[in-house]
Amino acid sequence: MIQVRRVYTPKPGRGELANHLKDLQGATIEGGFPPLSVYRRVFGPHGTMVTQQEWSSIADYEASRAEVRRTAAITEIFDRIYPLLASTHVTEVYEEAG
C-alpha cells in the first residue's frame, strides 16, 4: 500500500480552496478512483490544505494519472484550483513499511 499526499498552499486571501477540494473529493469517488481525504493544515502557511489517498501500489497510482487527466469532472475542478495556489501543489508518496 502507498499513501499519496498532496499539499496545496493558496495565495493570500484565496479562501475557496477548501470548497474546491471537497468538490474534488466527490468527483474522485464518482470517477472510480480511491477515496480522497481532505485536511486543513494546523501549523504552517495559513490556509494550506492537504489531500491523502491510498493506493494498492505505486504502479496502480502511476497508471491512474492518464485516466485522471481524461476525467472531465476532475480536470474542471483543477482548473478552478490552480489559479488559487501560491505555487504548484507538492506531491508526496509514502510506502507502507513492511
PDB file of N, CA and C in Angstrom:
ATOM      1  N   MET A   1       0.834  -1.187   0.000  1.00  0.00           N
ATOM      2  CA  MET A   1       0.000   0.000   0.000  1.00  0.00           C
ATOM      3  C   MET A   1       0.875   1.247   0.000  1.00  0.00           C
ATOM      4  N   ILE A   2       0.369   2.277  -0.672  1.00  0.00           N
ATOM      5  CA  ILE A   2       1.038   3.578  -0.620  1.00  0.00           C
ATOM      6  C   ILE A   2      -0.001   4.628  -0.259  1.00  0.00           C
ATOM      7  N   GLN A   3       0.478   5.721   0.290  1.00  0.00           N
ATOM      8  CA  GLN A   3      -0.334   6.898   0.571  1.00  0.00           C
ATOM      9  C   GLN A   3       0.208   8.024  -0.306  1.00  0.00           C
ATOM     10  N   VAL A   4      -0.673   8.665  -1.036  1.00  0.00           N
ATOM     11  CA  VAL A   4      -0.286   9.814  -1.850  1.00  0.00           C
ATOM     12  C   VAL A   4      -0.853  11.053  -1.177  1.00  0.00           C
ATOM     13  N   ARG A   5       0.037  11.921  -0.780  1.00  0.00           N
ATOM     14  CA  ARG A   5      -0.352  13.157  -0.094  1.00  0.00           C
ATOM     15  C   ARG A   5       0.003  14.338  -0.981  1.00  0.00           C
ATOM     16  N   ARG A   6      -0.951  15.241  -1.125  1.00  0.00           N
ATOM     17  CA  ARG A   6      -0.712  16.474  -1.883  1.00  0.00           C
ATOM     18  C   ARG A   6      -0.946  17.665  -0.958  1.00  0.00           C
ATOM     19  N   VAL A   7      -0.037  18.606  -1.018  1.00  0.00           N
ATOM     20  CA  VAL A   7      -0.108  19.802  -0.183  1.00  0.00           C
ATOM     21  C   VAL A   7      -0.357  20.997  -1.097  1.00  0.00           C
ATOM     22  N   TYR A   8      -1.428  21.753  -0.785  1.00  0.00           N
ATOM     23  CA  TYR A   8      -1.854  22.907  -1.572  1.00  0.00           C
ATOM     24  C   TYR A   8      -1.753  24.157  -0.701  1.00  0.00           C
ATOM     25  N   THR A   9      -0.940  25.123  -1.127  1.00  0.00           N
ATOM     26  CA  THR A   9      -0.810  26.380  -0.397  1.00  0.00           C
ATOM     27  C   THR A   9      -1.405  27.499  -1.247  1.00  0.00           C
ATOM     28  N   PRO A  10      -2.492  28.107  -0.771  1.00  0.00           N
ATOM     29  CA  PRO A  10      -3.147  29.144  -1.576  1.00  0.00           C
ATOM     30  C   PRO A  10      -2.433  30.488  -1.495  1.00  0.00           C
ATOM     31  N   LYS A  11      -2.712  31.327  -2.473  1.00  0.00           N
ATOM     32  CA  LYS A  11      -2.303  32.724  -2.399  1.00  0.00           C
ATOM     33  C   LYS A  11      -3.071  33.345  -1.232  1.00  0.00           C
ATOM     34  N   PRO A  12      -2.520  34.361  -0.585  1.00  0.00           N
ATOM     35  CA  PRO A  12      -3.254  35.010   0.496  1.00  0.00           C
ATOM     36  C   PRO A  12      -4.627  35.504   0.019  1.00  0.00           C
ATOM     37  N   GLY A  13      -5.608  35.284   0.878  1.00  0.00           N
ATOM     38  CA  GLY A  13      -6.955  35.751   0.597  1.00  0.00           C
ATOM     39  C   GLY A  13      -7.771  34.867  -0.328  1.00  0.00           C
ATOM     40  N   ARG A  14      -7.264  33.710  -0.690  1.00  0.00           N
ATOM     41  CA  ARG A  14      -7.974  32.822  -1.615  1.00  0.00           C
ATOM     42  C   ARG A  14      -8.627  31.682  -0.827  1.00  0.00           C
ATOM     43  N   GLY A  15      -9.721  31.981  -0.156  1.00  0.00           N
ATOM     44  CA  GLY A  15     -10.370  31.050   0.752  1.00  0.00           C
ATOM     45  C   GLY A  15     -11.224  29.985   0.109  1.00  0.00           C
ATOM     46  N   GLU A  16     -11.337  29.959  -1.222  1.00  0.00           N
ATOM     47  CA  GLU A  16     -12.208  28.987  -1.870  1.00  0.00           C
ATOM     48  C   GLU A  16     -11.581  27.606  -2.003  1.00  0.00           C
ATOM     49  N   LEU A  17     -10.310  27.477  -1.668  1.00  0.00           N
ATOM     50  CA  LEU A  17      -9.590  26.223  -1.890  1.00  0.00           C
ATOM     51  C   LEU A  17     -10.260  25.039  -1.203  1.00  0.00           C
ATOM     52  N   ALA A  18     -10.660  25.194   0.041  1.00  0.00           N
ATOM     53  CA  ALA A  18     -11.278  24.081   0.775  1.00  0.00           C
ATOM     54  C   ALA A  18     -12.528  23.583   0.068  1.00  0.00           C
ATOM     55  N   ASN A  19     -13.352  24.494  -0.423  1.00  0.00           N
ATOM     56  CA  ASN A  19     -14.576  24.090  -1.123  1.00  0.00           C
ATOM     57  C   ASN A  19     -14.270  23.318  -2.403  1.00  0.00           C
ATOM     58  N   HIS A  20     -13.273  23.770  -3.152  1.00  0.00           N
ATOM     59  CA  HIS A  20     -12.913  23.072  -4.392  1.00  0.00           C
ATOM     60  C   HIS A  20     -12.353  21.683  -4.095  1.00  0.00           C
ATOM     61  N   LEU A  21     -11.583  21.553  -3.028  1.00  0.00           N
ATOM     62  CA  LEU A  21     -11.048  20.232  -2.679  1.00  0.00           C
ATOM     63  C   LEU A  21     -12.153  19.294  -2.212  1.00  0.00           C
ATOM     64  N   LYS A  22     -13.172  19.819  -1.558  1.00  0.00           N
ATOM     65  CA  LYS A  22     -14.339  19.000  -1.199  1.00  0.00           C
ATOM     66  C   LYS A  22     -15.059  18.533  -2.465  1.00  0.00           C
ATOM     67  N   ASP A  23     -15.166  19.411  -3.469  1.00  0.00           N
ATOM     68  CA  ASP A  23     -15.739  19.012  -4.754  1.00  0.00           C
ATOM     69  C   ASP A  23     -14.899  17.914  -5.399  1.00  0.00           C
ATOM     70  N   LEU A  24     -13.586  18.070  -5.313  1.00  0.00           N
ATOM     71  CA  LEU A  24     -12.669  17.068  -5.862  1.00  0.00           C
ATOM     72  C   LEU A  24     -12.852  15.720  -5.171  1.00  0.00           C
ATOM     73  N   GLN A  25     -13.100  15.766  -3.887  1.00  0.00           N
ATOM     74  CA  GLN A  25     -13.327  14.547  -3.112  1.00  0.00           C
ATOM     75  C   GLN A  25     -14.489  13.749  -3.729  1.00  0.00           C
ATOM     76  N   GLY A  26     -15.590  14.411  -4.023  1.00  0.00           N
ATOM     77  CA  GLY A  26     -16.738  13.742  -4.621  1.00  0.00           C
ATOM     78  C   GLY A  26     -16.469  13.271  -6.042  1.00  0.00           C
ATOM     79  N   ALA A  27     -15.816  14.110  -6.835  1.00  0.00           N
ATOM     80  CA  ALA A  27     -15.529  13.755  -8.231  1.00  0.00           C
ATOM     81  C   ALA A  27     -14.579  12.570  -8.323  1.00  0.00           C
ATOM     82  N   THR A  28     -13.685  12.460  -7.366  1.00  0.00           N
ATOM     83  CA  THR A  28     -12.734  11.348  -7.347  1.00  0.00           C
ATOM     84  C   THR A  28     -13.475  10.026  -7.168  1.00  0.00           C
ATOM     85  N   ILE A  29     -14.385   9.988  -6.233  1.00  0.00           N
ATOM     86  CA  ILE A  29     -15.162   8.761  -5.991  1.00  0.00           C
ATOM     87  C   ILE A  29     -16.050   8.462  -7.196  1.00  0.00           C
ATOM     88  N   GLU A  30     -16.723   9.490  -7.718  1.00  0.00           N
ATOM     89  CA  GLU A  30     -17.586   9.301  -8.890  1.00  0.00           C
ATOM     90  C   GLU A  30     -16.801   8.817 -10.102  1.00  0.00           C
ATOM     91  N   GLY A  31     -15.526   9.192 -10.199  1.00  0.00           N
ATOM     92  CA  GLY A  31     -14.673   8.769 -11.304  1.00  0.00           C
ATOM     93  C   GLY A  31     -14.128   7.360 -11.147  1.00  0.00           C
ATOM     94  N   GLY A  32     -14.420   6.729 -10.000  1.00  0.00           N
ATOM     95  CA  GLY A  32     -13.971   5.359  -9.774  1.00  0.00           C
ATOM     96  C   GLY A  32     -12.578   5.232  -9.181  1.00  0.00           C
ATOM     97  N   PHE A  33     -12.064   6.320  -8.631  1.00  0.00           N
ATOM     98  CA  PHE A  33     -10.737   6.311  -8.023  1.00  0.00           C
ATOM     99  C   PHE A  33     -10.859   6.136  -6.515  1.00  0.00           C
ATOM    100  N   PRO A  34      -9.783   5.745  -5.837  1.00  0.00           N
ATOM    101  CA  PRO A  34      -9.853   5.595  -4.378  1.00  0.00           C
ATOM    102  C   PRO A  34     -10.289   6.883  -3.692  1.00  0.00           C
ATOM    103  N   PRO A  35     -10.995   6.751  -2.568  1.00  0.00           N
ATOM    104  CA  PRO A  35     -11.458   7.937  -1.838  1.00  0.00           C
ATOM    105  C   PRO A  35     -10.305   8.876  -1.476  1.00  0.00           C
ATOM    106  N   LEU A  36     -10.634  10.132  -1.432  1.00  0.00           N
ATOM    107  CA  LEU A  36      -9.682  11.191  -1.139  1.00  0.00           C
ATOM    108  C   LEU A  36     -10.070  11.837   0.186  1.00  0.00           C
ATOM    109  N   SER A  37      -9.146  11.896   1.121  1.00  0.00           N
ATOM    110  CA  SER A  37      -9.383  12.601   2.384  1.00  0.00           C
ATOM    111  C   SER A  37      -8.846  14.018   2.244  1.00  0.00           C
ATOM    112  N   VAL A  38      -9.544  14.981   2.834  1.00  0.00           N
ATOM    113  CA  VAL A  38      -9.143  16.391   2.760  1.00  0.00           C
ATOM    114  C   VAL A  38      -8.928  16.902   4.176  1.00  0.00           C
ATOM    115  N   TYR A  39      -7.771  17.520   4.401  1.00  0.00           N
ATOM    116  CA  TYR A  39      -7.410  18.048   5.713  1.00  0.00           C
ATOM    117  C   TYR A  39      -6.985  19.503   5.598  1.00  0.00           C
ATOM    118  N   ARG A  40      -7.207  20.250   6.648  1.00  0.00           N
ATOM    119  CA  ARG A  40      -6.680  21.610   6.763  1.00  0.00           C
ATOM    120  C   ARG A  40      -5.442  21.524   7.653  1.00  0.00           C
ATOM    121  N   ARG A  41      -4.321  22.040   7.167  1.00  0.00           N
ATOM    122  CA  ARG A  41      -3.080  22.018   7.941  1.00  0.00           C
ATOM    123  C   ARG A  41      -3.225  22.977   9.116  1.00  0.00           C
ATOM    124  N   VAL A  42      -2.834  22.531  10.302  1.00  0.00           N
ATOM    125  CA  VAL A  42      -2.987  23.331  11.510  1.00  0.00           C
ATOM    126  C   VAL A  42      -1.823  24.313  11.665  1.00  0.00           C
ATOM    127  N   PHE A  43      -0.611  23.866  11.398  1.00  0.00           N
ATOM    128  CA  PHE A  43       0.568  24.724  11.512  1.00  0.00           C
ATOM    129  C   PHE A  43       1.188  24.904  10.137  1.00  0.00           C
ATOM    130  N   GLY A  44       1.827  26.023   9.912  1.00  0.00           N
ATOM    131  CA  GLY A  44       2.440  26.310   8.623  1.00  0.00           C
ATOM    132  C   GLY A  44       1.714  27.457   7.948  1.00  0.00           C
ATOM    133  N   PRO A  45       1.953  27.621   6.651  1.00  0.00           N
ATOM    134  CA  PRO A  45       1.314  28.730   5.937  1.00  0.00           C
ATOM    135  C   PRO A  45      -0.211  28.695   6.073  1.00  0.00           C
ATOM    136  N   HIS A  46      -0.795  29.835   6.317  1.00  0.00           N
ATOM    137  CA  HIS A  46      -2.235  29.972   6.523  1.00  0.00           C
ATOM    138  C   HIS A  46      -3.012  29.457   5.313  1.00  0.00           C
ATOM    139  N   GLY A  47      -4.039  28.669   5.576  1.00  0.00           N
ATOM    140  CA  GLY A  47      -4.920  28.187   4.519  1.00  0.00           C
ATOM    141  C   GLY A  47      -4.436  26.955   3.783  1.00  0.00           C
ATOM    142  N   THR A  48      -3.286  26.411   4.176  1.00  0.00           N
ATOM    143  CA  THR A  48      -2.752  25.238   3.490  1.00  0.00           C
ATOM    144  C   THR A  48      -3.666  24.040   3.693  1.00  0.00           C
ATOM    145  N   MET A  49      -3.933  23.326   2.599  1.00  0.00           N
ATOM    146  CA  MET A  49      -4.791  22.150   2.619  1.00  0.00           C
ATOM    147  C   MET A  49      -3.984  20.935   2.167  1.00  0.00           C
ATOM    148  N   VAL A  50      -4.392  19.771   2.653  1.00  0.00           N
ATOM    149  CA  VAL A  50      -3.709  18.522   2.326  1.00  0.00           C
ATOM    150  C   VAL A  50      -4.757  17.496   1.909  1.00  0.00           C
ATOM    151  N   THR A  51      -4.463  16.764   0.837  1.00  0.00           N
ATOM    152  CA  THR A  51      -5.298  15.624   0.482  1.00  0.00           C
ATOM    153  C   THR A  51      -4.470  14.368   0.629  1.00  0.00           C
ATOM    154  N   GLN A  52      -5.133  13.273   0.917  1.00  0.00           N
ATOM    155  CA  GLN A  52      -4.437  11.998   1.047  1.00  0.00           C
ATOM    156  C   GLN A  52      -5.301  10.907   0.441  1.00  0.00           C
ATOM    157  N   GLN A  53      -4.636  10.002  -0.266  1.00  0.00           N
ATOM    158  CA  GLN A  53      -5.334   8.949  -0.987  1.00  0.00           C
ATOM    159  C   GLN A  53      -4.506   7.669  -0.900  1.00  0.00           C
ATOM    160  N   GLU A  54      -5.171   6.561  -0.628  1.00  0.00           N
ATOM    161  CA  GLU A  54      -4.483   5.270  -0.519  1.00  0.00           C
ATOM    162  C   GLU A  54      -4.607   4.499  -1.830  1.00  0.00           C
ATOM    163  N   TRP A  55      -3.492   3.944  -2.269  1.00  0.00           N
ATOM    164  CA  TRP A  55      -3.442   3.132  -3.479  1.00  0.00           C
ATOM    165  C   TRP A  55      -2.808   1.788  -3.140  1.00  0.00           C
ATOM    166  N   SER A  56      -3.132   0.762  -3.917  1.00  0.00           N
ATOM    167  CA  SER A  56      -2.575  -0.569  -3.642  1.00  0.00           C
ATOM    168  C   SER A  56      -1.098  -0.651  -3.997  1.00  0.00           C
ATOM    169  N   SER A  57      -0.645   0.157  -4.965  1.00  0.00           N
ATOM    170  CA  SER A  57       0.775   0.142  -5.340  1.00  0.00           C
ATOM    171  C   SER A  57       1.125   1.423  -6.090  1.00  0.00           C
ATOM    172  N   ILE A  58       2.402   1.693  -6.188  1.00  0.00           N
ATOM    173  CA  ILE A  58       2.857   2.858  -6.959  1.00  0.00           C
ATOM    174  C   ILE A  58       2.518   2.661  -8.435  1.00  0.00           C
ATOM    175  N   ALA A  59       2.563   1.424  -8.905  1.00  0.00           N
ATOM    176  CA  ALA A  59       2.228   1.138 -10.308  1.00  0.00           C
ATOM    177  C   ALA A  59       0.765   1.492 -10.598  1.00  0.00           C
ATOM    178  N   ASP A  60      -0.139   1.128  -9.681  1.00  0.00           N
ATOM    179  CA  ASP A  60      -1.552   1.461  -9.872  1.00  0.00           C
ATOM    180  C   ASP A  60      -1.762   2.972  -9.863  1.00  0.00           C
ATOM    181  N   TYR A  61      -1.072   3.645  -8.963  1.00  0.00           N
ATOM    182  CA  TYR A  61      -1.182   5.104  -8.903  1.00  0.00           C
ATOM    183  C   TYR A  61      -0.683   5.730 -10.209  1.00  0.00           C
ATOM    184  N   GLU A  62       0.503   5.318 -10.658  1.00  0.00           N
ATOM    185  CA  GLU A  62       1.073   5.879 -11.885  1.00  0.00           C
ATOM    186  C   GLU A  62       0.173   5.602 -13.091  1.00  0.00           C
ATOM    187  N   ALA A  63      -0.396   4.418 -13.152  1.00  0.00           N
ATOM    188  CA  ALA A  63      -1.289   4.065 -14.263  1.00  0.00           C
ATOM    189  C   ALA A  63      -2.553   4.925 -14.260  1.00  0.00           C
ATOM    190  N   SER A  64      -2.960   5.388 -13.098  1.00  0.00           N
ATOM    191  CA  SER A  64      -4.188   6.181 -12.994  1.00  0.00           C
ATOM    192  C   SER A  64      -4.034   7.613 -13.493  1.00  0.00           C
ATOM    193  N   ARG A  65      -2.825   8.122 -13.573  1.00  0.00           N
ATOM    194  CA  ARG A  65      -2.597   9.530 -13.896  1.00  0.00           C
ATOM    195  C   ARG A  65      -3.223   9.918 -15.235  1.00  0.00           C
ATOM    196  N   ALA A  66      -3.040   9.103 -16.254  1.00  0.00           N
ATOM    197  CA  ALA A  66      -3.610   9.421 -17.560  1.00  0.00           C
ATOM    198  C   ALA A  66      -5.133   9.389 -17.501  1.00  0.00           C
ATOM    199  N   GLU A  67      -5.685   8.437 -16.772  1.00  0.00           N
ATOM    200  CA  GLU A  67      -7.144   8.335 -16.649  1.00  0.00           C
ATOM    201  C   GLU A  67      -7.719   9.547 -15.912  1.00  0.00           C
ATOM    202  N   VAL A  68      -7.034   9.987 -14.865  1.00  0.00           N
ATOM    203  CA  VAL A  68      -7.484  11.178 -14.132  1.00  0.00           C
ATOM    204  C   VAL A  68      -7.532  12.382 -15.073  1.00  0.00           C
ATOM    205  N   ARG A  69      -6.508  12.524 -15.905  1.00  0.00           N
ATOM    206  CA  ARG A  69      -6.457  13.666 -16.828  1.00  0.00           C
ATOM    207  C   ARG A  69      -7.553  13.609 -17.889  1.00  0.00           C
ATOM    208  N   ARG A  70      -8.101  12.412 -18.143  1.00  0.00           N
ATOM    209  CA  ARG A  70      -9.201  12.264 -19.111  1.00  0.00           C
ATOM    210  C   ARG A  70     -10.571  12.384 -18.450  1.00  0.00           C
ATOM    211  N   THR A  71     -10.603  12.563 -17.136  1.00  0.00           N
ATOM    212  CA  THR A  71     -11.867  12.657 -16.407  1.00  0.00           C
ATOM    213  C   THR A  71     -12.241  14.133 -16.283  1.00  0.00           C
ATOM    214  N   ALA A  72     -13.175  14.557 -17.113  1.00  0.00           N
ATOM    215  CA  ALA A  72     -13.530  15.979 -17.214  1.00  0.00           C
ATOM    216  C   ALA A  72     -13.964  16.583 -15.884  1.00  0.00           C
ATOM    217  N   ALA A  73     -14.723  15.847 -15.088  1.00  0.00           N
ATOM    218  CA  ALA A  73     -15.194  16.389 -13.810  1.00  0.00           C
ATOM    219  C   ALA A  73     -14.028  16.735 -12.886  1.00  0.00           C
ATOM    220  N   ILE A  74     -12.951  15.966 -12.971  1.00  0.00           N
ATOM    221  CA  ILE A  74     -11.776  16.217 -12.128  1.00  0.00           C
ATOM    222  C   ILE A  74     -10.942  17.364 -12.705  1.00  0.00           C
ATOM    223  N   THR A  75     -10.685  17.337 -13.998  1.00  0.00           N
ATOM    224  CA  THR A  75      -9.847  18.399 -14.575  1.00  0.00           C
ATOM    225  C   THR A  75     -10.520  19.767 -14.473  1.00  0.00           C
ATOM    226  N   GLU A  76     -11.849  19.798 -14.531  1.00  0.00           N
ATOM    227  CA  GLU A  76     -12.568  21.063 -14.384  1.00  0.00           C
ATOM    228  C   GLU A  76     -12.342  21.654 -12.993  1.00  0.00           C
ATOM    229  N   ILE A  77     -12.300  20.805 -11.993  1.00  0.00           N
ATOM    230  CA  ILE A  77     -12.057  21.286 -10.625  1.00  0.00           C
ATOM    231  C   ILE A  77     -10.629  21.797 -10.493  1.00  0.00           C
ATOM    232  N   PHE A  78      -9.665  21.077 -11.074  1.00  0.00           N
ATOM    233  CA  PHE A  78      -8.285  21.558 -11.018  1.00  0.00           C
ATOM    234  C   PHE A  78      -8.125  22.881 -11.761  1.00  0.00           C
ATOM    235  N   ASP A  79      -8.915  23.104 -12.795  1.00  0.00           N
ATOM    236  CA  ASP A  79      -8.873  24.401 -13.479  1.00  0.00           C
ATOM    237  C   ASP A  79      -9.307  25.537 -12.546  1.00  0.00           C
ATOM    238  N   ARG A  80     -10.139  25.223 -11.557  1.00  0.00           N
ATOM    239  CA  ARG A  80     -10.547  26.218 -10.554  1.00  0.00           C
ATOM    240  C   ARG A  80      -9.518  26.340  -9.437  1.00  0.00           C
ATOM    241  N   ILE A  81      -8.822  25.228  -9.136  1.00  0.00           N
ATOM    242  CA  ILE A  81      -7.861  25.207  -8.022  1.00  0.00           C
ATOM    243  C   ILE A  81      -6.557  25.924  -8.384  1.00  0.00           C
ATOM    244  N   TYR A  82      -5.987  25.615  -9.535  1.00  0.00           N
ATOM    245  CA  TYR A  82      -4.651  26.119  -9.861  1.00  0.00           C
ATOM    246  C   TYR A  82      -4.510  27.642  -9.768  1.00  0.00           C
ATOM    247  N   PRO A  83      -5.467  28.448 -10.217  1.00  0.00           N
ATOM    248  CA  PRO A  83      -5.292  29.903 -10.093  1.00  0.00           C
ATOM    249  C   PRO A  83      -5.250  30.402  -8.639  1.00  0.00           C
ATOM    250  N   LEU A  84      -5.710  29.592  -7.704  1.00  0.00           N
ATOM    251  CA  LEU A  84      -5.725  29.997  -6.293  1.00  0.00           C
ATOM    252  C   LEU A  84      -4.396  29.757  -5.587  1.00  0.00           C
ATOM    253  N   LEU A  85      -3.532  28.932  -6.178  1.00  0.00           N
ATOM    254  CA  LEU A  85      -2.326  28.482  -5.482  1.00  0.00           C
ATOM    255  C   LEU A  85      -1.162  29.459  -5.583  1.00  0.00           C
ATOM    256  N   ALA A  86      -0.397  29.532  -4.492  1.00  0.00           N
ATOM    257  CA  ALA A  86       0.815  30.345  -4.468  1.00  0.00           C
ATOM    258  C   ALA A  86       1.894  29.722  -5.349  1.00  0.00           C
ATOM    259  N   SER A  87       1.886  28.404  -5.466  1.00  0.00           N
ATOM    260  CA  SER A  87       2.781  27.650  -6.346  1.00  0.00           C
ATOM    261  C   SER A  87       2.127  26.299  -6.591  1.00  0.00           C
ATOM    262  N   THR A  88       2.707  25.516  -7.460  1.00  0.00           N
ATOM    263  CA  THR A  88       2.113  24.213  -7.746  1.00  0.00           C
ATOM    264  C   THR A  88       2.044  23.358  -6.478  1.00  0.00           C
ATOM    265  N   HIS A  89       1.099  22.455  -6.432  1.00  0.00           N
ATOM    266  CA  HIS A  89       0.983  21.595  -5.256  1.00  0.00           C
ATOM    267  C   HIS A  89       2.191  20.670  -5.161  1.00  0.00           C
ATOM    268  N   VAL A  90       2.441  20.175  -3.973  1.00  0.00           N
ATOM    269  CA  VAL A  90       3.541  19.256  -3.708  1.00  0.00           C
ATOM    270  C   VAL A  90       2.956  17.870  -3.527  1.00  0.00           C
ATOM    271  N   THR A  91       3.467  16.893  -4.265  1.00  0.00           N
ATOM    272  CA  THR A  91       3.007  15.506  -4.137  1.00  0.00           C
ATOM    273  C   THR A  91       4.067  14.708  -3.398  1.00  0.00           C
ATOM    274  N   GLU A  92       3.618  13.995  -2.365  1.00  0.00           N
ATOM    275  CA  GLU A  92       4.494  13.109  -1.599  1.00  0.00           C
ATOM    276  C   GLU A  92       3.887  11.719  -1.635  1.00  0.00           C
ATOM    277  N   VAL A  93       4.713  10.696  -1.817  1.00  0.00           N
ATOM    278  CA  VAL A  93       4.242   9.318  -1.827  1.00  0.00           C
ATOM    279  C   VAL A  93       4.937   8.580  -0.688  1.00  0.00           C
ATOM    280  N   TYR A  94       4.128   7.940   0.138  1.00  0.00           N
ATOM    281  CA  TYR A  94       4.635   7.181   1.278  1.00  0.00           C
ATOM    282  C   TYR A  94       4.307   5.714   1.055  1.00  0.00           C
ATOM    283  N   GLU A  95       5.316   4.881   1.203  1.00  0.00           N
ATOM    284  CA  GLU A  95       5.142   3.446   1.053  1.00  0.00           C
ATOM    285  C   GLU A  95       5.032   2.806   2.423  1.00  0.00           C
ATOM    286  N   GLU A  96       4.071   1.899   2.565  1.00  0.00           N
ATOM    287  CA  GLU A  96       3.877   1.227   3.835  1.00  0.00           C
ATOM    288  C   GLU A  96       5.102   0.388   4.182  1.00  0.00           C
ATOM    289  N   ALA A  97       5.600   0.568   5.395  1.00  0.00           N
ATOM    290  CA  ALA A  97       6.758  -0.200   5.847  1.00  0.00           C
ATOM    291  C   ALA A  97       6.342  -1.655   6.051  1.00  0.00           C
ATOM    292  N   GLY A  98       7.209  -2.544   5.691  1.00  0.00           N
ATOM    293  CA  GLY A  98       6.801  -3.935   5.873  1.00  0.00           C
ATOM    294  C   GLY A  98       7.855  -4.914   5.603  1.00  0.00           C
TER     295      GLY A  98
END
